[in-house]
Amino acid sequence: MNVGGKGSKYPDSFFNPTQLKYGIKVELEHTKSKRVAKAIAKDHLLESPQYYVELKKMEKKLGI
């Protein structure tokens, strides 16, 4: 199975480890595959290194 977008071209060490770990946790809400969750998290973090920080702020603001 081919998994990953642009983020999969980068090693885990390229990303903030705290954000990557949190991103995987968030994405596991949508898939049972840690591999898929990591690929999605990497793609989001490549788009915006603060993706999950901002997501958390938005969810708090909306009471989610």
N, C-alpha and C. Protein backbone atom coordinates (compact mmCIF):
# COMPACT_ATOMS: atom_id res chain seq x y z
N MET A 1 0.85 -1.18 0.00
CA MET A 1 0.00 0.00 0.00
C MET A 1 0.89 1.24 0.00
N ASN A 2 0.69 2.11 -0.95
CA ASN A 2 1.44 3.35 -1.04
C ASN A 2 0.74 4.41 -0.20
N VAL A 3 1.44 4.90 0.82
CA VAL A 3 0.86 5.87 1.73
C VAL A 3 1.73 7.11 1.74
N GLY A 4 1.09 8.25 1.75
CA GLY A 4 1.84 9.48 1.96
C GLY A 4 1.80 10.43 0.79
N GLY A 5 1.86 11.67 1.14
CA GLY A 5 1.93 12.74 0.16
C GLY A 5 3.31 13.35 0.21
N LYS A 6 3.36 14.65 0.11
CA LYS A 6 4.65 15.36 0.11
C LYS A 6 5.42 15.17 1.40
N GLY A 7 4.70 15.10 2.52
CA GLY A 7 5.36 14.96 3.81
C GLY A 7 6.13 13.67 3.97
N SER A 8 5.72 12.64 3.24
CA SER A 8 6.39 11.34 3.38
C SER A 8 7.81 11.36 2.82
N LYS A 9 8.15 12.40 2.09
CA LYS A 9 9.50 12.51 1.53
C LYS A 9 10.51 13.02 2.57
N TYR A 10 10.00 13.44 3.72
CA TYR A 10 10.85 14.00 4.77
C TYR A 10 10.95 13.03 5.95
N PRO A 11 12.13 12.96 6.57
CA PRO A 11 12.27 12.09 7.75
C PRO A 11 11.50 12.67 8.93
N ASP A 12 11.17 11.82 9.87
CA ASP A 12 10.46 12.28 11.07
C ASP A 12 11.20 13.43 11.75
N SER A 13 12.52 13.38 11.72
CA SER A 13 13.34 14.39 12.40
C SER A 13 13.19 15.78 11.80
N PHE A 14 12.62 15.89 10.61
CA PHE A 14 12.38 17.18 9.97
C PHE A 14 11.29 17.96 10.72
N PHE A 15 10.39 17.23 11.37
CA PHE A 15 9.22 17.82 12.00
C PHE A 15 9.43 17.97 13.51
N ASN A 16 8.74 18.93 14.09
CA ASN A 16 8.75 19.10 15.54
C ASN A 16 8.21 17.81 16.14
N PRO A 17 8.98 17.13 16.98
CA PRO A 17 8.54 15.83 17.49
C PRO A 17 7.25 15.88 18.31
N THR A 18 7.06 16.95 19.05
CA THR A 18 5.83 17.10 19.84
C THR A 18 4.63 17.24 18.92
N GLN A 19 4.78 18.05 17.89
CA GLN A 19 3.68 18.28 16.96
C GLN A 19 3.37 17.02 16.14
N LEU A 20 4.42 16.30 15.74
CA LEU A 20 4.21 15.07 14.98
C LEU A 20 3.48 14.03 15.83
N LYS A 21 3.90 13.88 17.06
CA LYS A 21 3.26 12.92 17.96
C LYS A 21 1.80 13.28 18.19
N TYR A 22 1.53 14.56 18.43
CA TYR A 22 0.16 15.01 18.64
C TYR A 22 -0.66 14.83 17.35
N GLY A 23 -0.04 15.15 16.21
CA GLY A 23 -0.73 15.01 14.93
C GLY A 23 -1.13 13.57 14.65
N ILE A 24 -0.25 12.64 14.96
CA ILE A 24 -0.56 11.22 14.78
C ILE A 24 -1.75 10.84 15.66
N LYS A 25 -1.74 11.30 16.89
CA LYS A 25 -2.84 11.02 17.81
C LYS A 25 -4.16 11.56 17.25
N VAL A 26 -4.15 12.78 16.76
CA VAL A 26 -5.36 13.40 16.18
C VAL A 26 -5.83 12.60 14.97
N GLU A 27 -4.92 12.26 14.08
CA GLU A 27 -5.30 11.57 12.84
C GLU A 27 -5.74 10.13 13.09
N LEU A 28 -5.33 9.54 14.20
CA LEU A 28 -5.80 8.19 14.54
C LEU A 28 -7.29 8.18 14.86
N GLU A 29 -7.89 9.35 15.01
CA GLU A 29 -9.34 9.43 15.17
C GLU A 29 -10.05 9.10 13.86
N HIS A 30 -9.30 9.15 12.75
CA HIS A 30 -9.88 8.95 11.41
C HIS A 30 -9.43 7.66 10.74
N THR A 31 -8.43 7.01 11.30
CA THR A 31 -7.90 5.77 10.72
C THR A 31 -7.35 4.89 11.83
N LYS A 32 -7.30 3.61 11.58
CA LYS A 32 -6.72 2.69 12.56
C LYS A 32 -5.24 2.44 12.28
N SER A 33 -4.76 2.96 11.17
CA SER A 33 -3.38 2.74 10.76
C SER A 33 -2.48 3.88 11.23
N LYS A 34 -1.51 3.53 12.08
CA LYS A 34 -0.56 4.54 12.54
C LYS A 34 0.26 5.08 11.36
N ARG A 35 0.53 4.23 10.40
CA ARG A 35 1.29 4.63 9.21
C ARG A 35 0.54 5.71 8.42
N VAL A 36 -0.75 5.49 8.23
CA VAL A 36 -1.58 6.46 7.51
C VAL A 36 -1.70 7.74 8.33
N ALA A 37 -1.92 7.61 9.63
CA ALA A 37 -2.04 8.78 10.50
C ALA A 37 -0.76 9.62 10.46
N LYS A 38 0.39 8.97 10.48
CA LYS A 38 1.66 9.69 10.42
C LYS A 38 1.81 10.41 9.08
N ALA A 39 1.43 9.76 8.00
CA ALA A 39 1.53 10.38 6.67
C ALA A 39 0.64 11.62 6.59
N ILE A 40 -0.56 11.53 7.11
CA ILE A 40 -1.48 12.68 7.11
C ILE A 40 -0.92 13.80 7.97
N ALA A 41 -0.44 13.45 9.16
CA ALA A 41 0.12 14.46 10.06
C ALA A 41 1.31 15.17 9.42
N LYS A 42 2.19 14.41 8.77
CA LYS A 42 3.34 15.02 8.10
C LYS A 42 2.89 15.98 7.00
N ASP A 43 1.89 15.59 6.24
CA ASP A 43 1.39 16.46 5.18
C ASP A 43 0.85 17.77 5.77
N HIS A 44 0.08 17.66 6.84
CA HIS A 44 -0.46 18.86 7.48
C HIS A 44 0.66 19.75 8.03
N LEU A 45 1.64 19.13 8.67
CA LEU A 45 2.73 19.91 9.25
C LEU A 45 3.62 20.52 8.19
N LEU A 46 3.70 19.92 7.04
CA LEU A 46 4.46 20.50 5.94
C LEU A 46 3.73 21.73 5.41
N GLU A 47 2.41 21.66 5.36
CA GLU A 47 1.61 22.82 4.93
C GLU A 47 1.74 23.96 5.93
N SER A 48 1.72 23.62 7.22
CA SER A 48 1.83 24.61 8.29
C SER A 48 2.42 23.93 9.53
N PRO A 49 3.63 24.33 9.91
CA PRO A 49 4.25 23.73 11.09
C PRO A 49 3.42 23.91 12.37
N GLN A 50 2.50 24.85 12.36
CA GLN A 50 1.64 25.12 13.51
C GLN A 50 0.24 24.55 13.33
N TYR A 51 0.07 23.64 12.39
CA TYR A 51 -1.26 23.11 12.05
C TYR A 51 -2.01 22.61 13.28
N TYR A 52 -1.36 21.79 14.08
CA TYR A 52 -2.05 21.19 15.22
C TYR A 52 -2.19 22.16 16.39
N VAL A 53 -1.29 23.13 16.50
CA VAL A 53 -1.44 24.19 17.50
C VAL A 53 -2.71 24.98 17.18
N GLU A 54 -2.85 25.35 15.92
CA GLU A 54 -4.02 26.12 15.49
C GLU A 54 -5.31 25.29 15.59
N LEU A 55 -5.22 24.02 15.27
CA LEU A 55 -6.39 23.14 15.37
C LEU A 55 -6.87 23.07 16.83
N LYS A 56 -5.91 22.94 17.73
CA LYS A 56 -6.25 22.87 19.15
C LYS A 56 -6.92 24.16 19.62
N LYS A 57 -6.38 25.31 19.17
CA LYS A 57 -6.98 26.61 19.51
C LYS A 57 -8.41 26.71 18.99
N MET A 58 -8.61 26.29 17.74
CA MET A 58 -9.93 26.36 17.13
C MET A 58 -10.92 25.47 17.88
N GLU A 59 -10.49 24.25 18.21
CA GLU A 59 -11.39 23.32 18.92
C GLU A 59 -11.73 23.87 20.30
N LYS A 60 -10.78 24.49 20.96
CA LYS A 60 -11.03 25.07 22.29
C LYS A 60 -12.04 26.21 22.15
N LYS A 61 -11.85 27.05 21.15
CA LYS A 61 -12.74 28.19 20.92
C LYS A 61 -14.16 27.72 20.63
N LEU A 62 -14.28 26.62 19.89
CA LEU A 62 -15.60 26.10 19.52
C LEU A 62 -16.18 25.16 20.57
N GLY A 63 -15.39 24.87 21.59
CA GLY A 63 -15.87 23.98 22.65
C GLY A 63 -15.93 22.53 22.25
N ILE A 64 -15.03 22.14 21.37
CA ILE A 64 -14.99 20.76 20.87
C ILE A 64 -14.04 19.94 21.75
